[in-house]
mmCIF file of all heavy atoms, coordinates in Angstrom:
data_MODEL
# 
_entry.id   MODEL 
# 
loop_
_atom_site.group_PDB 
_atom_site.id 
_atom_site.type_symbol 
_atom_site.label_atom_id 
_atom_site.label_alt_id 
_atom_site.label_comp_id 
_atom_site.label_asym_id 
_atom_site.label_entity_id 
_atom_site.label_seq_id 
_atom_site.pdbx_PDB_ins_code 
_atom_site.Cartn_x 
_atom_site.Cartn_y 
_atom_site.Cartn_z 
_atom_site.occupancy 
_atom_site.B_iso_or_equiv 
_atom_site.pdbx_formal_charge 
_atom_site.auth_seq_id 
_atom_site.auth_comp_id 
_atom_site.auth_asym_id 
_atom_site.auth_atom_id 
_atom_site.pdbx_PDB_model_num 
ATOM 1   N N   . GLU A 1 1  ? 6.173   8.893   -11.098 1.00 0.00 ? 1  GLU A N   1 
ATOM 2   C CA  . GLU A 1 1  ? 7.537   8.401   -11.310 1.00 0.00 ? 1  GLU A CA  1 
ATOM 3   C C   . GLU A 1 1  ? 8.214   8.073   -9.985  1.00 0.00 ? 1  GLU A C   1 
ATOM 4   O O   . GLU A 1 1  ? 9.430   8.151   -9.866  1.00 0.00 ? 1  GLU A O   1 
ATOM 5   C CB  . GLU A 1 1  ? 8.349   9.456   -12.078 1.00 0.00 ? 1  GLU A CB  1 
ATOM 6   C CG  . GLU A 1 1  ? 7.849   9.718   -13.483 1.00 0.00 ? 1  GLU A CG  1 
ATOM 7   C CD  . GLU A 1 1  ? 7.979   8.508   -14.394 1.00 0.00 ? 1  GLU A CD  1 
ATOM 8   O OE1 . GLU A 1 1  ? 8.966   7.762   -14.263 1.00 0.00 ? 1  GLU A OE1 1 
ATOM 9   O OE2 . GLU A 1 1  ? 7.085   8.308   -15.228 1.00 0.00 ? 1  GLU A OE2 1 
ATOM 10  N N   . LEU A 1 2  ? 7.433   7.693   -8.992  1.00 0.00 ? 2  LEU A N   1 
ATOM 11  C CA  . LEU A 1 2  ? 7.985   7.352   -7.688  1.00 0.00 ? 2  LEU A CA  1 
ATOM 12  C C   . LEU A 1 2  ? 8.770   6.045   -7.772  1.00 0.00 ? 2  LEU A C   1 
ATOM 13  O O   . LEU A 1 2  ? 8.466   5.185   -8.591  1.00 0.00 ? 2  LEU A O   1 
ATOM 14  C CB  . LEU A 1 2  ? 6.854   7.167   -6.671  1.00 0.00 ? 2  LEU A CB  1 
ATOM 15  C CG  . LEU A 1 2  ? 5.981   8.380   -6.396  1.00 0.00 ? 2  LEU A CG  1 
ATOM 16  C CD1 . LEU A 1 2  ? 4.792   7.974   -5.541  1.00 0.00 ? 2  LEU A CD1 1 
ATOM 17  C CD2 . LEU A 1 2  ? 6.794   9.460   -5.703  1.00 0.00 ? 2  LEU A CD2 1 
ATOM 18  N N   . ASN A 1 3  ? 9.766   5.908   -6.885  1.00 0.00 ? 3  ASN A N   1 
ATOM 19  C CA  . ASN A 1 3  ? 10.432  4.604   -6.850  1.00 0.00 ? 3  ASN A CA  1 
ATOM 20  C C   . ASN A 1 3  ? 9.438   3.585   -6.313  1.00 0.00 ? 3  ASN A C   1 
ATOM 21  O O   . ASN A 1 3  ? 8.467   3.927   -5.637  1.00 0.00 ? 3  ASN A O   1 
ATOM 22  C CB  . ASN A 1 3  ? 11.755  4.666   -6.079  1.00 0.00 ? 3  ASN A CB  1 
ATOM 23  C CG  . ASN A 1 3  ? 11.578  4.840   -4.589  1.00 0.00 ? 3  ASN A CG  1 
ATOM 24  O OD1 . ASN A 1 3  ? 10.796  4.138   -3.950  1.00 0.00 ? 3  ASN A OD1 1 
ATOM 25  N ND2 . ASN A 1 3  ? 12.319  5.777   -4.021  1.00 0.00 ? 3  ASN A ND2 1 
ATOM 26  N N   . ARG A 1 4  ? 9.681   2.335   -6.621  1.00 0.00 ? 4  ARG A N   1 
ATOM 27  C CA  . ARG A 1 4  ? 8.708   1.277   -6.338  1.00 0.00 ? 4  ARG A CA  1 
ATOM 28  C C   . ARG A 1 4  ? 8.320   1.179   -4.861  1.00 0.00 ? 4  ARG A C   1 
ATOM 29  O O   . ARG A 1 4  ? 7.128   1.123   -4.552  1.00 0.00 ? 4  ARG A O   1 
ATOM 30  C CB  . ARG A 1 4  ? 9.251   -0.055  -6.853  1.00 0.00 ? 4  ARG A CB  1 
ATOM 31  C CG  . ARG A 1 4  ? 8.270   -1.203  -6.663  1.00 0.00 ? 4  ARG A CG  1 
ATOM 32  C CD  . ARG A 1 4  ? 8.809   -2.460  -7.335  1.00 0.00 ? 4  ARG A CD  1 
ATOM 33  N NE  . ARG A 1 4  ? 7.824   -3.510  -7.284  1.00 0.00 ? 4  ARG A NE  1 
ATOM 34  C CZ  . ARG A 1 4  ? 7.957   -4.630  -6.578  1.00 0.00 ? 4  ARG A CZ  1 
ATOM 35  N NH1 . ARG A 1 4  ? 9.053   -4.841  -5.881  1.00 0.00 ? 4  ARG A NH1 1 
ATOM 36  N NH2 . ARG A 1 4  ? 7.010   -5.541  -6.588  1.00 0.00 ? 4  ARG A NH2 1 
ATOM 37  N N   . PRO A 1 5  ? 9.266   1.138   -3.917  1.00 0.00 ? 5  PRO A N   1 
ATOM 38  C CA  . PRO A 1 5  ? 8.840   1.036   -2.510  1.00 0.00 ? 5  PRO A CA  1 
ATOM 39  C C   . PRO A 1 5  ? 7.964   2.207   -2.054  1.00 0.00 ? 5  PRO A C   1 
ATOM 40  O O   . PRO A 1 5  ? 7.006   2.002   -1.308  1.00 0.00 ? 5  PRO A O   1 
ATOM 41  C CB  . PRO A 1 5  ? 10.160  0.985   -1.734  1.00 0.00 ? 5  PRO A CB  1 
ATOM 42  C CG  . PRO A 1 5  ? 11.168  0.489   -2.718  1.00 0.00 ? 5  PRO A CG  1 
ATOM 43  C CD  . PRO A 1 5  ? 10.729  1.034   -4.049  1.00 0.00 ? 5  PRO A CD  1 
ATOM 44  N N   . VAL A 1 6  ? 8.264   3.403   -2.498  1.00 0.00 ? 6  VAL A N   1 
ATOM 45  C CA  . VAL A 1 6  ? 7.454   4.566   -2.117  1.00 0.00 ? 6  VAL A CA  1 
ATOM 46  C C   . VAL A 1 6  ? 6.059   4.452   -2.722  1.00 0.00 ? 6  VAL A C   1 
ATOM 47  O O   . VAL A 1 6  ? 5.049   4.670   -2.046  1.00 0.00 ? 6  VAL A O   1 
ATOM 48  C CB  . VAL A 1 6  ? 8.142   5.889   -2.535  1.00 0.00 ? 6  VAL A CB  1 
ATOM 49  C CG1 . VAL A 1 6  ? 7.200   7.078   -2.355  1.00 0.00 ? 6  VAL A CG1 1 
ATOM 50  C CG2 . VAL A 1 6  ? 9.432   6.093   -1.752  1.00 0.00 ? 6  VAL A CG2 1 
ATOM 51  N N   . ALA A 1 7  ? 5.987   4.090   -3.995  1.00 0.00 ? 7  ALA A N   1 
ATOM 52  C CA  . ALA A 1 7  ? 4.690   3.935   -4.652  1.00 0.00 ? 7  ALA A CA  1 
ATOM 53  C C   . ALA A 1 7  ? 3.870   2.847   -3.971  1.00 0.00 ? 7  ALA A C   1 
ATOM 54  O O   . ALA A 1 7  ? 2.673   3.024   -3.702  1.00 0.00 ? 7  ALA A O   1 
ATOM 55  C CB  . ALA A 1 7  ? 4.878   3.617   -6.133  1.00 0.00 ? 7  ALA A CB  1 
ATOM 56  N N   . LEU A 1 8  ? 4.503   1.711   -3.665  1.00 0.00 ? 8  LEU A N   1 
ATOM 57  C CA  . LEU A 1 8  ? 3.776   0.615   -3.033  1.00 0.00 ? 8  LEU A CA  1 
ATOM 58  C C   . LEU A 1 8  ? 3.338   0.966   -1.619  1.00 0.00 ? 8  LEU A C   1 
ATOM 59  O O   . LEU A 1 8  ? 2.263   0.553   -1.179  1.00 0.00 ? 8  LEU A O   1 
ATOM 60  C CB  . LEU A 1 8  ? 4.612   -0.661  -3.050  1.00 0.00 ? 8  LEU A CB  1 
ATOM 61  C CG  . LEU A 1 8  ? 4.773   -1.291  -4.439  1.00 0.00 ? 8  LEU A CG  1 
ATOM 62  C CD1 . LEU A 1 8  ? 5.751   -2.456  -4.389  1.00 0.00 ? 8  LEU A CD1 1 
ATOM 63  C CD2 . LEU A 1 8  ? 3.435   -1.726  -5.006  1.00 0.00 ? 8  LEU A CD2 1 
ATOM 64  N N   . GLN A 1 9  ? 4.142   1.750   -0.897  1.00 0.00 ? 9  GLN A N   1 
ATOM 65  C CA  . GLN A 1 9  ? 3.717   2.184   0.437   1.00 0.00 ? 9  GLN A CA  1 
ATOM 66  C C   . GLN A 1 9  ? 2.464   3.049   0.330   1.00 0.00 ? 9  GLN A C   1 
ATOM 67  O O   . GLN A 1 9  ? 1.527   2.894   1.115   1.00 0.00 ? 9  GLN A O   1 
ATOM 68  C CB  . GLN A 1 9  ? 4.835   2.953   1.155   1.00 0.00 ? 9  GLN A CB  1 
ATOM 69  C CG  . GLN A 1 9  ? 4.467   3.307   2.587   1.00 0.00 ? 9  GLN A CG  1 
ATOM 70  C CD  . GLN A 1 9  ? 4.262   2.079   3.437   1.00 0.00 ? 9  GLN A CD  1 
ATOM 71  O OE1 . GLN A 1 9  ? 5.168   1.271   3.602   1.00 0.00 ? 9  GLN A OE1 1 
ATOM 72  N NE2 . GLN A 1 9  ? 3.061   1.909   4.014   1.00 0.00 ? 9  GLN A NE2 1 
ATOM 73  N N   . ARG A 1 10 ? 2.445   3.919   -0.646  1.00 0.00 ? 10 ARG A N   1 
ATOM 74  C CA  . ARG A 1 10 ? 1.246   4.754   -0.852  1.00 0.00 ? 10 ARG A CA  1 
ATOM 75  C C   . ARG A 1 10 ? 0.043   3.896   -1.224  1.00 0.00 ? 10 ARG A C   1 
ATOM 76  O O   . ARG A 1 10 ? -1.068  4.142   -0.765  1.00 0.00 ? 10 ARG A O   1 
ATOM 77  C CB  . ARG A 1 10 ? 1.515   5.813   -1.909  1.00 0.00 ? 10 ARG A CB  1 
ATOM 78  C CG  . ARG A 1 10 ? 2.458   6.880   -1.413  1.00 0.00 ? 10 ARG A CG  1 
ATOM 79  C CD  . ARG A 1 10 ? 2.578   8.032   -2.358  1.00 0.00 ? 10 ARG A CD  1 
ATOM 80  N NE  . ARG A 1 10 ? 3.553   8.983   -1.858  1.00 0.00 ? 10 ARG A NE  1 
ATOM 81  C CZ  . ARG A 1 10 ? 3.985   10.028  -2.521  1.00 0.00 ? 10 ARG A CZ  1 
ATOM 82  N NH1 . ARG A 1 10 ? 3.516   10.277  -3.736  1.00 0.00 ? 10 ARG A NH1 1 
ATOM 83  N NH2 . ARG A 1 10 ? 4.874   10.836  -1.999  1.00 0.00 ? 10 ARG A NH2 1 
ATOM 84  N N   . VAL A 1 11 ? 0.267   2.894   -2.057  1.00 0.00 ? 11 VAL A N   1 
ATOM 85  C CA  . VAL A 1 11 ? -0.815  1.972   -2.429  1.00 0.00 ? 11 VAL A CA  1 
ATOM 86  C C   . VAL A 1 11 ? -1.381  1.297   -1.182  1.00 0.00 ? 11 VAL A C   1 
ATOM 87  O O   . VAL A 1 11 ? -2.600  1.259   -0.967  1.00 0.00 ? 11 VAL A O   1 
ATOM 88  C CB  . VAL A 1 11 ? -0.322  0.920   -3.453  1.00 0.00 ? 11 VAL A CB  1 
ATOM 89  C CG1 . VAL A 1 11 ? -1.307  -0.236  -3.570  1.00 0.00 ? 11 VAL A CG1 1 
ATOM 90  C CG2 . VAL A 1 11 ? -0.085  1.565   -4.815  1.00 0.00 ? 11 VAL A CG2 1 
ATOM 91  N N   . ALA A 1 12 ? -0.499  0.750   -0.345  1.00 0.00 ? 12 ALA A N   1 
ATOM 92  C CA  . ALA A 1 12 ? -0.950  0.067   0.873   1.00 0.00 ? 12 ALA A CA  1 
ATOM 93  C C   . ALA A 1 12 ? -1.726  1.023   1.779   1.00 0.00 ? 12 ALA A C   1 
ATOM 94  O O   . ALA A 1 12 ? -2.787  0.667   2.316   1.00 0.00 ? 12 ALA A O   1 
ATOM 95  C CB  . ALA A 1 12 ? 0.239   -0.535  1.620   1.00 0.00 ? 12 ALA A CB  1 
ATOM 96  N N   . ASP A 1 13 ? -1.240  2.244   1.924   1.00 0.00 ? 13 ASP A N   1 
ATOM 97  C CA  . ASP A 1 13 ? -1.920  3.230   2.768   1.00 0.00 ? 13 ASP A CA  1 
ATOM 98  C C   . ASP A 1 13 ? -3.300  3.586   2.220   1.00 0.00 ? 13 ASP A C   1 
ATOM 99  O O   . ASP A 1 13 ? -4.269  3.695   2.979   1.00 0.00 ? 13 ASP A O   1 
ATOM 100 C CB  . ASP A 1 13 ? -1.077  4.500   2.892   1.00 0.00 ? 13 ASP A CB  1 
ATOM 101 C CG  . ASP A 1 13 ? 0.219   4.300   3.674   1.00 0.00 ? 13 ASP A CG  1 
ATOM 102 O OD1 . ASP A 1 13 ? 0.332   3.308   4.431   1.00 0.00 ? 13 ASP A OD1 1 
ATOM 103 O OD2 . ASP A 1 13 ? 1.127   5.140   3.514   1.00 0.00 ? 13 ASP A OD2 1 
ATOM 104 N N   . VAL A 1 14 ? -3.393  3.756   0.906   1.00 0.00 ? 14 VAL A N   1 
ATOM 105 C CA  . VAL A 1 14 ? -4.675  4.119   0.287   1.00 0.00 ? 14 VAL A CA  1 
ATOM 106 C C   . VAL A 1 14 ? -5.676  2.971   0.421   1.00 0.00 ? 14 VAL A C   1 
ATOM 107 O O   . VAL A 1 14 ? -6.845  3.195   0.761   1.00 0.00 ? 14 VAL A O   1 
ATOM 108 C CB  . VAL A 1 14 ? -4.473  4.527   -1.194  1.00 0.00 ? 14 VAL A CB  1 
ATOM 109 C CG1 . VAL A 1 14 ? -5.787  4.592   -1.954  1.00 0.00 ? 14 VAL A CG1 1 
ATOM 110 C CG2 . VAL A 1 14 ? -3.753  5.868   -1.266  1.00 0.00 ? 14 VAL A CG2 1 
ATOM 111 N N   . ILE A 1 15 ? -5.240  1.754   0.159   1.00 0.00 ? 15 ILE A N   1 
ATOM 112 C CA  . ILE A 1 15 ? -6.153  0.609   0.298   1.00 0.00 ? 15 ILE A CA  1 
ATOM 113 C C   . ILE A 1 15 ? -6.611  0.481   1.750   1.00 0.00 ? 15 ILE A C   1 
ATOM 114 O O   . ILE A 1 15 ? -7.795  0.295   2.024   1.00 0.00 ? 15 ILE A O   1 
ATOM 115 C CB  . ILE A 1 15 ? -5.499  -0.700  -0.197  1.00 0.00 ? 15 ILE A CB  1 
ATOM 116 C CG1 . ILE A 1 15 ? -5.307  -0.652  -1.717  1.00 0.00 ? 15 ILE A CG1 1 
ATOM 117 C CG2 . ILE A 1 15 ? -6.357  -1.904  0.199   1.00 0.00 ? 15 ILE A CG2 1 
ATOM 118 C CD1 . ILE A 1 15 ? -4.511  -1.818  -2.280  1.00 0.00 ? 15 ILE A CD1 1 
ATOM 119 N N   . LYS A 1 16 ? -5.680  0.606   2.690   1.00 0.00 ? 16 LYS A N   1 
ATOM 120 C CA  . LYS A 1 16 ? -6.025  0.489   4.110   1.00 0.00 ? 16 LYS A CA  1 
ATOM 121 C C   . LYS A 1 16 ? -7.087  1.506   4.500   1.00 0.00 ? 16 LYS A C   1 
ATOM 122 O O   . LYS A 1 16 ? -8.088  1.171   5.131   1.00 0.00 ? 16 LYS A O   1 
ATOM 123 C CB  . LYS A 1 16 ? -4.789  0.646   4.974   1.00 0.00 ? 16 LYS A CB  1 
ATOM 124 C CG  . LYS A 1 16 ? -5.076  0.519   6.468   1.00 0.00 ? 16 LYS A CG  1 
ATOM 125 C CD  . LYS A 1 16 ? -3.802  0.694   7.271   1.00 0.00 ? 16 LYS A CD  1 
ATOM 126 C CE  . LYS A 1 16 ? -4.077  0.710   8.753   1.00 0.00 ? 16 LYS A CE  1 
ATOM 127 N NZ  . LYS A 1 16 ? -4.786  1.907   9.187   1.00 0.00 ? 16 LYS A NZ  1 
ATOM 128 N N   . SER A 1 17 ? -6.873  2.749   4.139   1.00 0.00 ? 17 SER A N   1 
ATOM 129 C CA  . SER A 1 17 ? -7.813  3.795   4.546   1.00 0.00 ? 17 SER A CA  1 
ATOM 130 C C   . SER A 1 17 ? -9.142  3.708   3.803   1.00 0.00 ? 17 SER A C   1 
ATOM 131 O O   . SER A 1 17 ? -10.179 4.086   4.323   1.00 0.00 ? 17 SER A O   1 
ATOM 132 C CB  . SER A 1 17 ? -7.191  5.181   4.384   1.00 0.00 ? 17 SER A CB  1 
ATOM 133 O OG  . SER A 1 17 ? -6.935  5.446   3.031   1.00 0.00 ? 17 SER A OG  1 
ATOM 134 N N   . SER A 1 18 ? -9.133  3.162   2.596   1.00 0.00 ? 18 SER A N   1 
ATOM 135 C CA  . SER A 1 18 ? -10.357 3.111   1.780   1.00 0.00 ? 18 SER A CA  1 
ATOM 136 C C   . SER A 1 18 ? -11.414 2.197   2.369   1.00 0.00 ? 18 SER A C   1 
ATOM 137 O O   . SER A 1 18 ? -12.607 2.426   2.224   1.00 0.00 ? 18 SER A O   1 
ATOM 138 C CB  . SER A 1 18 ? -10.038 2.656   0.361   1.00 0.00 ? 18 SER A CB  1 
ATOM 139 O OG  . SER A 1 18 ? -9.751  1.273   0.349   1.00 0.00 ? 18 SER A OG  1 
ATOM 140 N N   . GLY A 1 19 ? -10.984 1.138   3.028   1.00 0.00 ? 19 GLY A N   1 
ATOM 141 C CA  . GLY A 1 19 ? -11.939 0.187   3.594   1.00 0.00 ? 19 GLY A CA  1 
ATOM 142 C C   . GLY A 1 19 ? -11.929 0.192   5.106   1.00 0.00 ? 19 GLY A C   1 
ATOM 143 O O   . GLY A 1 19 ? -12.498 -0.701  5.725   1.00 0.00 ? 19 GLY A O   1 
ATOM 144 N N   . SER A 1 20 ? -11.239 1.169   5.699   1.00 0.00 ? 20 SER A N   1 
ATOM 145 C CA  . SER A 1 20 ? -11.069 1.193   7.151   1.00 0.00 ? 20 SER A CA  1 
ATOM 146 C C   . SER A 1 20 ? -10.532 -0.153  7.645   1.00 0.00 ? 20 SER A C   1 
ATOM 147 O O   . SER A 1 20 ? -10.979 -0.684  8.658   1.00 0.00 ? 20 SER A O   1 
ATOM 148 C CB  . SER A 1 20 ? -12.385 1.544   7.849   1.00 0.00 ? 20 SER A CB  1 
ATOM 149 O OG  . SER A 1 20 ? -12.812 2.818   7.448   1.00 0.00 ? 20 SER A OG  1 
ATOM 150 N N   . TYR A 1 21 ? -9.593  -0.703  6.882   1.00 0.00 ? 21 TYR A N   1 
ATOM 151 C CA  . TYR A 1 21 ? -8.982  -1.973  7.249   1.00 0.00 ? 21 TYR A CA  1 
ATOM 152 C C   . TYR A 1 21 ? -7.913  -1.738  8.299   1.00 0.00 ? 21 TYR A C   1 
ATOM 153 O O   . TYR A 1 21 ? -7.334  -0.669  8.385   1.00 0.00 ? 21 TYR A O   1 
ATOM 154 C CB  . TYR A 1 21 ? -8.376  -2.642  6.021   1.00 0.00 ? 21 TYR A CB  1 
ATOM 155 C CG  . TYR A 1 21 ? -9.368  -2.899  4.917   1.00 0.00 ? 21 TYR A CG  1 
ATOM 156 C CD1 . TYR A 1 21 ? -9.099  -2.527  3.608   1.00 0.00 ? 21 TYR A CD1 1 
ATOM 157 C CD2 . TYR A 1 21 ? -10.585 -3.518  5.183   1.00 0.00 ? 21 TYR A CD2 1 
ATOM 158 C CE1 . TYR A 1 21 ? -10.008 -2.773  2.596   1.00 0.00 ? 21 TYR A CE1 1 
ATOM 159 C CE2 . TYR A 1 21 ? -11.499 -3.762  4.179   1.00 0.00 ? 21 TYR A CE2 1 
ATOM 160 C CZ  . TYR A 1 21 ? -11.202 -3.386  2.883   1.00 0.00 ? 21 TYR A CZ  1 
ATOM 161 O OH  . TYR A 1 21 ? -12.109 -3.627  1.891   1.00 0.00 ? 21 TYR A OH  1 
ATOM 162 N N   . ARG A 1 22 ? -7.614  -2.759  9.082   1.00 0.00 ? 22 ARG A N   1 
ATOM 163 C CA  . ARG A 1 22 ? -6.600  -2.630  10.111  1.00 0.00 ? 22 ARG A CA  1 
ATOM 164 C C   . ARG A 1 22 ? -5.190  -2.782  9.566   1.00 0.00 ? 22 ARG A C   1 
ATOM 165 O O   . ARG A 1 22 ? -4.261  -2.122  10.014  1.00 0.00 ? 22 ARG A O   1 
ATOM 166 C CB  . ARG A 1 22 ? -6.827  -3.664  11.205  1.00 0.00 ? 22 ARG A CB  1 
ATOM 167 C CG  . ARG A 1 22 ? -5.785  -3.509  12.304  1.00 0.00 ? 22 ARG A CG  1 
ATOM 168 C CD  . ARG A 1 22 ? -5.847  -4.555  13.305  1.00 0.00 ? 22 ARG A CD  1 
ATOM 169 N NE  . ARG A 1 22 ? -5.758  -5.851  12.647  1.00 0.00 ? 22 ARG A NE  1 
ATOM 170 C CZ  . ARG A 1 22 ? -5.689  -6.976  13.280  1.00 0.00 ? 22 ARG A CZ  1 
ATOM 171 N NH1 . ARG A 1 22 ? -5.695  -6.979  14.571  1.00 0.00 ? 22 ARG A NH1 1 
ATOM 172 N NH2 . ARG A 1 22 ? -5.613  -8.122  12.652  1.00 0.00 ? 22 ARG A NH2 1 
ATOM 173 N N   . TRP A 1 23 ? -5.004  -3.669  8.563   1.00 0.00 ? 23 TRP A N   1 
ATOM 174 C CA  . TRP A 1 23 ? -3.658  -3.959  8.078   1.00 0.00 ? 23 TRP A CA  1 
ATOM 175 C C   . TRP A 1 23 ? -3.710  -4.351  6.611   1.00 0.00 ? 23 TRP A C   1 
ATOM 176 O O   . TRP A 1 23 ? -4.572  -5.125  6.200   1.00 0.00 ? 23 TRP A O   1 
ATOM 177 C CB  . TRP A 1 23 ? -3.066  -5.111  8.902   1.00 0.00 ? 23 TRP A CB  1 
ATOM 178 C CG  . TRP A 1 23 ? -1.596  -5.295  8.752   1.00 0.00 ? 23 TRP A CG  1 
ATOM 179 C CD1 . TRP A 1 23 ? -0.625  -4.710  9.503   1.00 0.00 ? 23 TRP A CD1 1 
ATOM 180 C CD2 . TRP A 1 23 ? -0.923  -6.136  7.795   1.00 0.00 ? 23 TRP A CD2 1 
ATOM 181 N NE1 . TRP A 1 23 ? 0.610   -5.131  9.067   1.00 0.00 ? 23 TRP A NE1 1 
ATOM 182 C CE2 . TRP A 1 23 ? 0.453   -6.006  8.020   1.00 0.00 ? 23 TRP A CE2 1 
ATOM 183 C CE3 . TRP A 1 23 ? -1.350  -6.969  6.773   1.00 0.00 ? 23 TRP A CE3 1 
ATOM 184 C CZ2 . TRP A 1 23 ? 1.411   -6.683  7.273   1.00 0.00 ? 23 TRP A CZ2 1 
ATOM 185 C CZ3 . TRP A 1 23 ? -0.406  -7.642  6.023   1.00 0.00 ? 23 TRP A CZ3 1 
ATOM 186 C CH2 . TRP A 1 23 ? 0.958   -7.500  6.273   1.00 0.00 ? 23 TRP A CH2 1 
ATOM 187 N N   . VAL A 1 24 ? -2.795  -3.800  5.827   1.00 0.00 ? 24 VAL A N   1 
ATOM 188 C CA  . VAL A 1 24 ? -2.647  -4.149  4.415   1.00 0.00 ? 24 VAL A CA  1 
ATOM 189 C C   . VAL A 1 24 ? -1.171  -4.370  4.148   1.00 0.00 ? 24 VAL A C   1 
ATOM 190 O O   . VAL A 1 24 ? -0.333  -3.542  4.514   1.00 0.00 ? 24 VAL A O   1 
ATOM 191 C CB  . VAL A 1 24 ? -3.185  -3.033  3.485   1.00 0.00 ? 24 VAL A CB  1 
ATOM 192 C CG1 . VAL A 1 24 ? -2.866  -3.332  2.020   1.00 0.00 ? 24 VAL A CG1 1 
ATOM 193 C CG2 . VAL A 1 24 ? -4.682  -2.839  3.682   1.00 0.00 ? 24 VAL A CG2 1 
ATOM 194 N N   . GLY A 1 25 ? -0.859  -5.492  3.511   1.00 0.00 ? 25 GLY A N   1 
ATOM 195 C CA  . GLY A 1 25 ? 0.512   -5.775  3.111   1.00 0.00 ? 25 GLY A CA  1 
ATOM 196 C C   . GLY A 1 25 ? 0.573   -6.097  1.626   1.00 0.00 ? 25 GLY A C   1 
ATOM 197 O O   . GLY A 1 25 ? -0.369  -6.655  1.065   1.00 0.00 ? 25 GLY A O   1 
ATOM 198 N N   . LEU A 1 26 ? 1.668   -5.725  1.002   1.00 0.00 ? 26 LEU A N   1 
ATOM 199 C CA  . LEU A 1 26 ? 1.917   -6.047  -0.405  1.00 0.00 ? 26 LEU A CA  1 
ATOM 200 C C   . LEU A 1 26 ? 3.162   -6.927  -0.457  1.00 0.00 ? 26 LEU A C   1 
ATOM 201 O O   . LEU A 1 26 ? 4.163   -6.654  0.228   1.00 0.00 ? 26 LEU A O   1 
ATOM 202 C CB  . LEU A 1 26 ? 2.110   -4.781  -1.230  1.00 0.00 ? 26 LEU A CB  1 
ATOM 203 C CG  . LEU A 1 26 ? 0.911   -3.832  -1.227  1.00 0.00 ? 26 LEU A CG  1 
ATOM 204 C CD1 . LEU A 1 26 ? 1.253   -2.537  -1.939  1.00 0.00 ? 26 LEU A CD1 1 
ATOM 205 C CD2 . LEU A 1 26 ? -0.308  -4.480  -1.851  1.00 0.00 ? 26 LEU A CD2 1 
ATOM 206 N N   . TYR A 1 27 ? 3.085   -7.981  -1.273  1.00 0.00 ? 27 TYR A N   1 
ATOM 207 C CA  . TYR A 1 27 ? 4.123   -9.002  -1.304  1.00 0.00 ? 27 TYR A CA  1 
ATOM 208 C C   . TYR A 1 27 ? 4.587   -9.278  -2.723  1.00 0.00 ? 27 TYR A C   1 
ATOM 209 O O   . TYR A 1 27 ? 3.802   -9.193  -3.670  1.00 0.00 ? 27 TYR A O   1 
ATOM 210 C CB  . TYR A 1 27 ? 3.576   -10.317 -0.726  1.00 0.00 ? 27 TYR A CB  1 
ATOM 211 C CG  . TYR A 1 27 ? 3.331   -10.274 0.752   1.00 0.00 ? 27 TYR A CG  1 
ATOM 212 C CD1 . TYR A 1 27 ? 2.199   -9.671  1.274   1.00 0.00 ? 27 TYR A CD1 1 
ATOM 213 C CD2 . TYR A 1 27 ? 4.248   -10.833 1.637   1.00 0.00 ? 27 TYR A CD2 1 
ATOM 214 C CE1 . TYR A 1 27 ? 1.970   -9.634  2.648   1.00 0.00 ? 27 TYR A CE1 1 
ATOM 215 C CE2 . TYR A 1 27 ? 4.029   -10.805 3.004   1.00 0.00 ? 27 TYR A CE2 1 
ATOM 216 C CZ  . TYR A 1 27 ? 2.889   -10.201 3.501   1.00 0.00 ? 27 TYR A CZ  1 
ATOM 217 O OH  . TYR A 1 27 ? 2.675   -10.164 4.847   1.00 0.00 ? 27 TYR A OH  1 
ATOM 218 N N   . ASP A 1 28 ? 5.863   -9.649  -2.843  1.00 0.00 ? 28 ASP A N   1 
ATOM 219 C CA  . ASP A 1 28 ? 6.432   -10.176 -4.081  1.00 0.00 ? 28 ASP A CA  1 
ATOM 220 C C   . ASP A 1 28 ? 6.414   -11.699 -4.005  1.00 0.00 ? 28 ASP A C   1 
ATOM 221 O O   . ASP A 1 28 ? 6.680   -12.266 -2.945  1.00 0.00 ? 28 ASP A O   1 
ATOM 222 C CB  . ASP A 1 28 ? 7.897   -9.755  -4.249  1.00 0.00 ? 28 ASP A CB  1 
ATOM 223 C CG  . ASP A 1 28 ? 8.076   -8.388  -4.870  1.00 0.00 ? 28 ASP A CG  1 
ATOM 224 O OD1 . ASP A 1 28 ? 7.186   -7.949  -5.624  1.00 0.00 ? 28 ASP A OD1 1 
ATOM 225 O OD2 . ASP A 1 28 ? 9.113   -7.758  -4.595  1.00 0.00 ? 28 ASP A OD2 1 
ATOM 226 N N   . VAL A 1 29 ? 6.142   -12.333 -5.127  1.00 0.00 ? 29 VAL A N   1 
ATOM 227 C CA  . VAL A 1 29 ? 6.232   -13.785 -5.241  1.00 0.00 ? 29 VAL A CA  1 
ATOM 228 C C   . VAL A 1 29 ? 7.502   -14.085 -6.031  1.00 0.00 ? 29 VAL A C   1 
ATOM 229 O O   . VAL A 1 29 ? 7.606   -13.729 -7.202  1.00 0.00 ? 29 VAL A O   1 
ATOM 230 C CB  . VAL A 1 29 ? 4.986   -14.371 -5.946  1.00 0.00 ? 29 VAL A CB  1 
ATOM 231 C CG1 . VAL A 1 29 ? 5.146   -15.866 -6.155  1.00 0.00 ? 29 VAL A CG1 1 
ATOM 232 C CG2 . VAL A 1 29 ? 3.725   -14.057 -5.138  1.00 0.00 ? 29 VAL A CG2 1 
# 
């Protein structure tokens, strides 16, 4: 039940660490 920005920040962090990626961004269209 996290607010959207907090949930999306966690999503970006998890994706970044999962692939040892340098940068992950999430965008609205």
